[in-house]
Amino acid sequence: MMKIILPLIIMLMAFTPDSNAADKKVVYRYKKYEKFDFEDLVIEGETGGPGDLSISPRYQRKFKNKLPYRKNFNAEIRKGVERVR
């Protein structure tokens, strides 16, 4: 019996709101302005020459054209010109 009652009491205490926490309103204040002086920042590292950067050639996949090939579009051009008139 004690094994059942003790966890129930602990759960009830965990989920009951604390009256002190509900009364307090939290107000967040952020900085309106902050200045960064980049002159004073020290960055450690090595400068590399432009020759140090290289891009390895990658395989470019060739895709098939899904549209049928046509030699000319004269009929469509004529229809377009007739619509303009």
PDB file of N, CA and C in Angstrom:
ATOM      1  N   MET A   1       0.822  -1.188   0.000  1.00  0.00           N
ATOM      2  CA  MET A   1       0.000   0.000   0.000  1.00  0.00           C
ATOM      3  C   MET A   1       0.872   1.261   0.000  1.00  0.00           C
ATOM      4  N   MET A   2       1.932   1.196   0.746  1.00  0.00           N
ATOM      5  CA  MET A   2       2.843   2.338   0.842  1.00  0.00           C
ATOM      6  C   MET A   2       3.533   2.599  -0.496  1.00  0.00           C
ATOM      7  N   LYS A   3       3.747   1.517  -1.284  1.00  0.00           N
ATOM      8  CA  LYS A   3       4.399   1.664  -2.586  1.00  0.00           C
ATOM      9  C   LYS A   3       3.523   2.445  -3.562  1.00  0.00           C
ATOM     10  N   ILE A   4       2.234   2.411  -3.374  1.00  0.00           N
ATOM     11  CA  ILE A   4       1.323   3.125  -4.261  1.00  0.00           C
ATOM     12  C   ILE A   4       1.111   4.560  -3.790  1.00  0.00           C
ATOM     13  N   ILE A   5       0.996   4.755  -2.502  1.00  0.00           N
ATOM     14  CA  ILE A   5       0.683   6.076  -1.967  1.00  0.00           C
ATOM     15  C   ILE A   5       1.855   7.035  -2.110  1.00  0.00           C
ATOM     16  N   LEU A   6       3.049   6.577  -1.851  1.00  0.00           N
ATOM     17  CA  LEU A   6       4.223   7.446  -1.899  1.00  0.00           C
ATOM     18  C   LEU A   6       4.448   8.031  -3.312  1.00  0.00           C
ATOM     19  N   PRO A   7       4.414   7.230  -4.386  1.00  0.00           N
ATOM     20  CA  PRO A   7       4.566   7.846  -5.722  1.00  0.00           C
ATOM     21  C   PRO A   7       3.427   8.803  -6.067  1.00  0.00           C
ATOM     22  N   LEU A   8       2.204   8.529  -5.599  1.00  0.00           N
ATOM     23  CA  LEU A   8       1.091   9.440  -5.859  1.00  0.00           C
ATOM     24  C   LEU A   8       1.307  10.790  -5.177  1.00  0.00           C
ATOM     25  N   ILE A   9       1.799  10.771  -3.976  1.00  0.00           N
ATOM     26  CA  ILE A   9       2.063  12.013  -3.245  1.00  0.00           C
ATOM     27  C   ILE A   9       3.179  12.804  -3.934  1.00  0.00           C
ATOM     28  N   ILE A  10       4.199  12.107  -4.382  1.00  0.00           N
ATOM     29  CA  ILE A  10       5.315  12.776  -5.063  1.00  0.00           C
ATOM     30  C   ILE A  10       4.827  13.404  -6.370  1.00  0.00           C
ATOM     31  N   MET A  11       3.986  12.691  -7.124  1.00  0.00           N
ATOM     32  CA  MET A  11       3.467  13.239  -8.382  1.00  0.00           C
ATOM     33  C   MET A  11       2.556  14.432  -8.137  1.00  0.00           C
ATOM     34  N   LEU A  12       1.744  14.383  -7.096  1.00  0.00           N
ATOM     35  CA  LEU A  12       0.872  15.509  -6.776  1.00  0.00           C
ATOM     36  C   LEU A  12       1.683  16.735  -6.388  1.00  0.00           C
ATOM     37  N   MET A  13       2.744  16.530  -5.656  1.00  0.00           N
ATOM     38  CA  MET A  13       3.594  17.660  -5.266  1.00  0.00           C
ATOM     39  C   MET A  13       4.340  18.228  -6.474  1.00  0.00           C
ATOM     40  N   ALA A  14       4.700  17.376  -7.422  1.00  0.00           N
ATOM     41  CA  ALA A  14       5.452  17.829  -8.580  1.00  0.00           C
ATOM     42  C   ALA A  14       4.585  18.660  -9.517  1.00  0.00           C
ATOM     43  N   PHE A  15       3.312  18.314  -9.630  1.00  0.00           N
ATOM     44  CA  PHE A  15       2.449  18.989 -10.589  1.00  0.00           C
ATOM     45  C   PHE A  15       1.600  20.102  -9.981  1.00  0.00           C
ATOM     46  N   THR A  16       1.662  20.328  -8.690  1.00  0.00           N
ATOM     47  CA  THR A  16       0.918  21.435  -8.102  1.00  0.00           C
ATOM     48  C   THR A  16       1.719  22.714  -8.296  1.00  0.00           C
ATOM     49  N   PRO A  17       1.069  23.792  -8.701  1.00  0.00           N
ATOM     50  CA  PRO A  17       1.808  25.041  -8.933  1.00  0.00           C
ATOM     51  C   PRO A  17       2.272  25.657  -7.614  1.00  0.00           C
ATOM     52  N   ASP A  18       3.447  26.209  -7.662  1.00  0.00           N
ATOM     53  CA  ASP A  18       4.004  26.894  -6.503  1.00  0.00           C
ATOM     54  C   ASP A  18       3.421  28.307  -6.473  1.00  0.00           C
ATOM     55  N   SER A  19       2.840  28.697  -5.367  1.00  0.00           N
ATOM     56  CA  SER A  19       2.177  30.007  -5.291  1.00  0.00           C
ATOM     57  C   SER A  19       3.188  31.147  -5.390  1.00  0.00           C
ATOM     58  N   ASN A  20       4.406  30.978  -4.910  1.00  0.00           N
ATOM     59  CA  ASN A  20       5.416  32.034  -4.989  1.00  0.00           C
ATOM     60  C   ASN A  20       5.886  32.246  -6.435  1.00  0.00           C
ATOM     61  N   ALA A  21       5.998  31.169  -7.194  1.00  0.00           N
ATOM     62  CA  ALA A  21       6.477  31.287  -8.571  1.00  0.00           C
ATOM     63  C   ALA A  21       5.423  31.952  -9.454  1.00  0.00           C
ATOM     64  N   ALA A  22       4.161  31.757  -9.175  1.00  0.00           N
ATOM     65  CA  ALA A  22       3.110  32.334 -10.004  1.00  0.00           C
ATOM     66  C   ALA A  22       2.968  33.840  -9.767  1.00  0.00           C
ATOM     67  N   ASP A  23       3.320  34.320  -8.583  1.00  0.00           N
ATOM     68  CA  ASP A  23       3.173  35.728  -8.263  1.00  0.00           C
ATOM     69  C   ASP A  23       4.257  36.591  -8.907  1.00  0.00           C
ATOM     70  N   LYS A  24       5.410  36.042  -9.121  1.00  0.00           N
ATOM     71  CA  LYS A  24       6.532  36.817  -9.660  1.00  0.00           C
ATOM     72  C   LYS A  24       6.418  36.916 -11.177  1.00  0.00           C
ATOM     73  N   LYS A  25       6.609  38.117 -11.695  1.00  0.00           N
ATOM     74  CA  LYS A  25       6.665  38.322 -13.134  1.00  0.00           C
ATOM     75  C   LYS A  25       8.110  38.555 -13.521  1.00  0.00           C
ATOM     76  N   VAL A  26       8.551  37.823 -14.491  1.00  0.00           N
ATOM     77  CA  VAL A  26       9.930  37.927 -14.946  1.00  0.00           C
ATOM     78  C   VAL A  26      10.002  38.966 -16.050  1.00  0.00           C
ATOM     79  N   VAL A  27      10.905  39.919 -15.901  1.00  0.00           N
ATOM     80  CA  VAL A  27      11.106  40.959 -16.901  1.00  0.00           C
ATOM     81  C   VAL A  27      12.513  40.783 -17.465  1.00  0.00           C
ATOM     82  N   TYR A  28      12.580  40.569 -18.769  1.00  0.00           N
ATOM     83  CA  TYR A  28      13.861  40.416 -19.434  1.00  0.00           C
ATOM     84  C   TYR A  28      14.273  41.760 -20.012  1.00  0.00           C
ATOM     85  N   ARG A  29      15.507  42.142 -19.781  1.00  0.00           N
ATOM     86  CA  ARG A  29      16.040  43.385 -20.334  1.00  0.00           C
ATOM     87  C   ARG A  29      17.264  43.045 -21.169  1.00  0.00           C
ATOM     88  N   TYR A  30      17.231  43.500 -22.392  1.00  0.00           N
ATOM     89  CA  TYR A  30      18.334  43.257 -23.309  1.00  0.00           C
ATOM     90  C   TYR A  30      19.087  44.558 -23.555  1.00  0.00           C
ATOM     91  N   LYS A  31      20.341  44.407 -23.973  1.00  0.00           N
ATOM     92  CA  LYS A  31      21.127  45.583 -24.309  1.00  0.00           C
ATOM     93  C   LYS A  31      20.552  46.225 -25.556  1.00  0.00           C
ATOM     94  N   LYS A  32      20.398  47.527 -25.541  1.00  0.00           N
ATOM     95  CA  LYS A  32      19.869  48.224 -26.711  1.00  0.00           C
ATOM     96  C   LYS A  32      20.959  48.479 -27.745  1.00  0.00           C
ATOM     97  N   TYR A  33      22.196  48.616 -27.273  1.00  0.00           N
ATOM     98  CA  TYR A  33      23.286  48.924 -28.189  1.00  0.00           C
ATOM     99  C   TYR A  33      24.557  48.313 -27.630  1.00  0.00           C
ATOM    100  N   GLU A  34      25.309  47.668 -28.485  1.00  0.00           N
ATOM    101  CA  GLU A  34      26.601  47.132 -28.068  1.00  0.00           C
ATOM    102  C   GLU A  34      27.597  47.387 -29.185  1.00  0.00           C
ATOM    103  N   LYS A  35      28.714  47.961 -28.843  1.00  0.00           N
ATOM    104  CA  LYS A  35      29.724  48.319 -29.825  1.00  0.00           C
ATOM    105  C   LYS A  35      30.839  47.288 -29.800  1.00  0.00           C
ATOM    106  N   PHE A  36      31.237  46.823 -30.968  1.00  0.00           N
ATOM    107  CA  PHE A  36      32.344  45.887 -31.086  1.00  0.00           C
ATOM    108  C   PHE A  36      33.529  46.624 -31.704  1.00  0.00           C
ATOM    109  N   ASP A  37      34.662  46.509 -31.067  1.00  0.00           N
ATOM    110  CA  ASP A  37      35.883  47.114 -31.602  1.00  0.00           C
ATOM    111  C   ASP A  37      36.703  46.011 -32.244  1.00  0.00           C
ATOM    112  N   PHE A  38      36.639  45.933 -33.565  1.00  0.00           N
ATOM    113  CA  PHE A  38      37.342  44.884 -34.273  1.00  0.00           C
ATOM    114  C   PHE A  38      38.835  45.149 -34.371  1.00  0.00           C
ATOM    115  N   GLU A  39      39.258  46.343 -34.082  1.00  0.00           N
ATOM    116  CA  GLU A  39      40.690  46.654 -34.101  1.00  0.00           C
ATOM    117  C   GLU A  39      41.417  45.940 -32.974  1.00  0.00           C
ATOM    118  N   ASP A  40      40.753  45.767 -31.853  1.00  0.00           N
ATOM    119  CA  ASP A  40      41.393  45.142 -30.695  1.00  0.00           C
ATOM    120  C   ASP A  40      41.327  43.617 -30.723  1.00  0.00           C
ATOM    121  N   LEU A  41      40.548  43.042 -31.606  1.00  0.00           N
ATOM    122  CA  LEU A  41      40.434  41.588 -31.663  1.00  0.00           C
ATOM    123  C   LEU A  41      41.696  40.998 -32.265  1.00  0.00           C
ATOM    124  N   VAL A  42      42.186  39.955 -31.646  1.00  0.00           N
ATOM    125  CA  VAL A  42      43.372  39.267 -32.128  1.00  0.00           C
ATOM    126  C   VAL A  42      42.939  37.911 -32.659  1.00  0.00           C
ATOM    127  N   ILE A  43      43.218  37.668 -33.913  1.00  0.00           N
ATOM    128  CA  ILE A  43      42.870  36.398 -34.537  1.00  0.00           C
ATOM    129  C   ILE A  43      44.156  35.654 -34.837  1.00  0.00           C
ATOM    130  N   GLU A  44      44.229  34.459 -34.292  1.00  0.00           N
ATOM    131  CA  GLU A  44      45.429  33.662 -34.506  1.00  0.00           C
ATOM    132  C   GLU A  44      45.201  32.716 -35.668  1.00  0.00           C
ATOM    133  N   GLY A  45      46.225  32.534 -36.471  1.00  0.00           N
ATOM    134  CA  GLY A  45      46.126  31.622 -37.607  1.00  0.00           C
ATOM    135  C   GLY A  45      47.179  31.955 -38.634  1.00  0.00           C
ATOM    136  N   GLU A  46      47.149  31.220 -39.704  1.00  0.00           N
ATOM    137  CA  GLU A  46      48.111  31.438 -40.773  1.00  0.00           C
ATOM    138  C   GLU A  46      47.375  31.931 -42.009  1.00  0.00           C
ATOM    139  N   THR A  47      48.009  32.852 -42.693  1.00  0.00           N
ATOM    140  CA  THR A  47      47.436  33.313 -43.945  1.00  0.00           C
ATOM    141  C   THR A  47      47.982  32.446 -45.059  1.00  0.00           C
ATOM    142  N   GLY A  48      47.106  31.965 -45.890  1.00  0.00           N
ATOM    143  CA  GLY A  48      47.533  31.120 -46.996  1.00  0.00           C
ATOM    144  C   GLY A  48      47.487  31.881 -48.298  1.00  0.00           C
ATOM    145  N   GLY A  49      48.362  31.515 -49.181  1.00  0.00           N
ATOM    146  CA  GLY A  49      48.375  32.156 -50.492  1.00  0.00           C
ATOM    147  C   GLY A  49      47.235  31.632 -51.355  1.00  0.00           C
ATOM    148  N   PRO A  50      46.927  32.339 -52.426  1.00  0.00           N
ATOM    149  CA  PRO A  50      45.840  31.885 -53.287  1.00  0.00           C
ATOM    150  C   PRO A  50      46.134  30.552 -53.960  1.00  0.00           C
ATOM    151  N   GLY A  51      47.402  30.166 -54.036  1.00  0.00           N
ATOM    152  CA  GLY A  51      47.751  28.885 -54.645  1.00  0.00           C
ATOM    153  C   GLY A  51      47.415  27.713 -53.749  1.00  0.00           C
ATOM    154  N   ASP A  52      47.177  27.978 -52.459  1.00  0.00           N
ATOM    155  CA  ASP A  52      46.887  26.895 -51.533  1.00  0.00           C
ATOM    156  C   ASP A  52      45.480  26.344 -51.717  1.00  0.00           C
ATOM    157  N   LEU A  53      44.612  27.133 -52.278  1.00  0.00           N
ATOM    158  CA  LEU A  53      43.232  26.714 -52.473  1.00  0.00           C
ATOM    159  C   LEU A  53      43.101  26.031 -53.822  1.00  0.00           C
ATOM    160  N   SER A  54      42.664  24.807 -53.800  1.00  0.00           N
ATOM    161  CA  SER A  54      42.477  24.096 -55.067  1.00  0.00           C
ATOM    162  C   SER A  54      41.161  23.333 -55.009  1.00  0.00           C
ATOM    163  N   ILE A  55      40.543  23.251 -56.146  1.00  0.00           N
ATOM    164  CA  ILE A  55      39.277  22.541 -56.254  1.00  0.00           C
ATOM    165  C   ILE A  55      39.495  21.358 -57.167  1.00  0.00           C
ATOM    166  N   SER A  56      39.199  20.187 -56.664  1.00  0.00           N
ATOM    167  CA  SER A  56      39.384  18.999 -57.489  1.00  0.00           C
ATOM    168  C   SER A  56      38.233  18.874 -58.474  1.00  0.00           C
ATOM    169  N   PRO A  57      38.531  18.514 -59.700  1.00  0.00           N
ATOM    170  CA  PRO A  57      37.446  18.383 -60.681  1.00  0.00           C
ATOM    171  C   PRO A  57      36.539  17.219 -60.298  1.00  0.00           C
ATOM    172  N   ARG A  58      35.255  17.423 -60.455  1.00  0.00           N
ATOM    173  CA  ARG A  58      34.316  16.365 -60.100  1.00  0.00           C
ATOM    174  C   ARG A  58      33.640  15.836 -61.353  1.00  0.00           C
ATOM    175  N   TYR A  59      33.100  14.674 -61.232  1.00  0.00           N
ATOM    176  CA  TYR A  59      32.427  14.046 -62.360  1.00  0.00           C
ATOM    177  C   TYR A  59      31.106  14.752 -62.603  1.00  0.00           C
ATOM    178  N   GLN A  60      30.891  15.177 -63.837  1.00  0.00           N
ATOM    179  CA  GLN A  60      29.629  15.809 -64.187  1.00  0.00           C
ATOM    180  C   GLN A  60      28.790  14.808 -64.953  1.00  0.00           C
ATOM    181  N   ARG A  61      27.649  14.530 -64.408  1.00  0.00           N
ATOM    182  CA  ARG A  61      26.776  13.531 -65.000  1.00  0.00           C
ATOM    183  C   ARG A  61      26.022  14.120 -66.188  1.00  0.00           C
ATOM    184  N   LYS A  62      25.942  13.368 -67.255  1.00  0.00           N
ATOM    185  CA  LYS A  62      25.217  13.799 -68.440  1.00  0.00           C
ATOM    186  C   LYS A  62      23.822  13.191 -68.392  1.00  0.00           C
ATOM    187  N   PHE A  63      22.806  14.043 -68.523  1.00  0.00           N
ATOM    188  CA  PHE A  63      21.426  13.588 -68.488  1.00  0.00           C
ATOM    189  C   PHE A  63      20.868  13.544 -69.900  1.00  0.00           C
ATOM    190  N   LYS A  64      19.961  12.605 -70.099  1.00  0.00           N
ATOM    191  CA  LYS A  64      19.288  12.526 -71.398  1.00  0.00           C
ATOM    192  C   LYS A  64      18.196  13.578 -71.454  1.00  0.00           C
ATOM    193  N   ASN A  65      17.986  14.135 -72.639  1.00  0.00           N
ATOM    194  CA  ASN A  65      16.930  15.111 -72.827  1.00  0.00           C
ATOM    195  C   ASN A  65      15.603  14.369 -72.929  1.00  0.00           C
ATOM    196  N   LYS A  66      14.678  14.685 -72.057  1.00  0.00           N
ATOM    197  CA  LYS A  66      13.389  14.009 -72.031  1.00  0.00           C
ATOM    198  C   LYS A  66      12.443  14.533 -73.101  1.00  0.00           C
ATOM    199  N   LEU A  67      12.737  15.723 -73.642  1.00  0.00           N
ATOM    200  CA  LEU A  67      11.882  16.297 -74.679  1.00  0.00           C
ATOM    201  C   LEU A  67      12.304  15.780 -76.050  1.00  0.00           C
ATOM    202  N   PRO A  68      11.347  15.566 -76.923  1.00  0.00           N
ATOM    203  CA  PRO A  68      11.727  15.110 -78.277  1.00  0.00           C
ATOM    204  C   PRO A  68      12.433  16.225 -79.046  1.00  0.00           C
ATOM    205  N   TYR A  69      13.378  15.845 -79.868  1.00  0.00           N
ATOM    206  CA  TYR A  69      14.146  16.823 -80.630  1.00  0.00           C
ATOM    207  C   TYR A  69      13.369  17.228 -81.876  1.00  0.00           C
ATOM    208  N   ARG A  70      13.306  18.529 -82.148  1.00  0.00           N
ATOM    209  CA  ARG A  70      12.667  19.045 -83.365  1.00  0.00           C
ATOM    210  C   ARG A  70      13.648  19.949 -84.079  1.00  0.00           C
ATOM    211  N   LYS A  71      13.653  19.853 -85.400  1.00  0.00           N
ATOM    212  CA  LYS A  71      14.578  20.680 -86.170  1.00  0.00           C
ATOM    213  C   LYS A  71      14.096  22.113 -86.290  1.00  0.00           C
ATOM    214  N   ASN A  72      12.787  22.317 -86.439  1.00  0.00           N
ATOM    215  CA  ASN A  72      12.300  23.685 -86.562  1.00  0.00           C
ATOM    216  C   ASN A  72      10.927  23.815 -85.911  1.00  0.00           C
ATOM    217  N   PHE A  73      10.587  25.025 -85.628  1.00  0.00           N
ATOM    218  CA  PHE A  73       9.315  25.346 -85.005  1.00  0.00           C
ATOM    219  C   PHE A  73       8.558  26.356 -85.873  1.00  0.00           C
ATOM    220  N   ASN A  74       8.658  26.193 -87.171  1.00  0.00           N
ATOM    221  CA  ASN A  74       8.052  27.154 -88.091  1.00  0.00           C
ATOM    222  C   ASN A  74       6.533  27.229 -87.912  1.00  0.00           C
ATOM    223  N   ALA A  75       5.876  26.111 -87.715  1.00  0.00           N
ATOM    224  CA  ALA A  75       4.415  26.121 -87.581  1.00  0.00           C
ATOM    225  C   ALA A  75       3.997  26.909 -86.334  1.00  0.00           C
ATOM    226  N   GLU A  76       4.682  26.725 -85.231  1.00  0.00           N
ATOM    227  CA  GLU A  76       4.354  27.445 -84.008  1.00  0.00           C
ATOM    228  C   GLU A  76       4.662  28.936 -84.155  1.00  0.00           C
ATOM    229  N   ILE A  77       5.715  29.260 -84.864  1.00  0.00           N
ATOM    230  CA  ILE A  77       6.067  30.668 -85.073  1.00  0.00           C
ATOM    231  C   ILE A  77       4.985  31.351 -85.914  1.00  0.00           C
ATOM    232  N   ARG A  78       4.513  30.670 -86.966  1.00  0.00           N
ATOM    233  CA  ARG A  78       3.445  31.241 -87.797  1.00  0.00           C
ATOM    234  C   ARG A  78       2.174  31.457 -86.991  1.00  0.00           C
ATOM    235  N   LYS A  79       1.800  30.493 -86.153  1.00  0.00           N
ATOM    236  CA  LYS A  79       0.592  30.636 -85.323  1.00  0.00           C
ATOM    237  C   LYS A  79       0.740  31.821 -84.367  1.00  0.00           C
ATOM    238  N   GLY A  80       1.920  32.000 -83.824  1.00  0.00           N
ATOM    239  CA  GLY A  80       2.160  33.114 -82.911  1.00  0.00           C
ATOM    240  C   GLY A  80       2.042  34.448 -83.617  1.00  0.00           C
ATOM    241  N   VAL A  81       2.570  34.525 -84.848  1.00  0.00           N
ATOM    242  CA  VAL A  81       2.494  35.764 -85.619  1.00  0.00           C
ATOM    243  C   VAL A  81       1.040  36.067 -85.994  1.00  0.00           C
ATOM    244  N   GLU A  82       0.277  35.045 -86.343  1.00  0.00           N
ATOM    245  CA  GLU A  82      -1.117  35.239 -86.697  1.00  0.00           C
ATOM    246  C   GLU A  82      -1.942  35.724 -85.494  1.00  0.00           C
ATOM    247  N   ARG A  83      -1.607  35.259 -84.289  1.00  0.00           N
ATOM    248  CA  ARG A  83      -2.321  35.705 -83.094  1.00  0.00           C
ATOM    249  C   ARG A  83      -2.053  37.166 -82.788  1.00  0.00           C
ATOM    250  N   VAL A  84      -0.869  37.634 -83.133  1.00  0.00           N
ATOM    251  CA  VAL A  84      -0.508  39.033 -82.865  1.00  0.00           C
ATOM    252  C   VAL A  84      -1.284  39.973 -83.788  1.00  0.00           C
ATOM    253  N   ARG A  85      -1.520  39.535 -85.021  1.00  0.00           N
ATOM    254  CA  ARG A  85      -2.189  40.394 -86.008  1.00  0.00           C
ATOM    255  C   ARG A  85      -3.570  40.702 -85.632  1.00  0.00           C
TER     256      ARG A  85
END
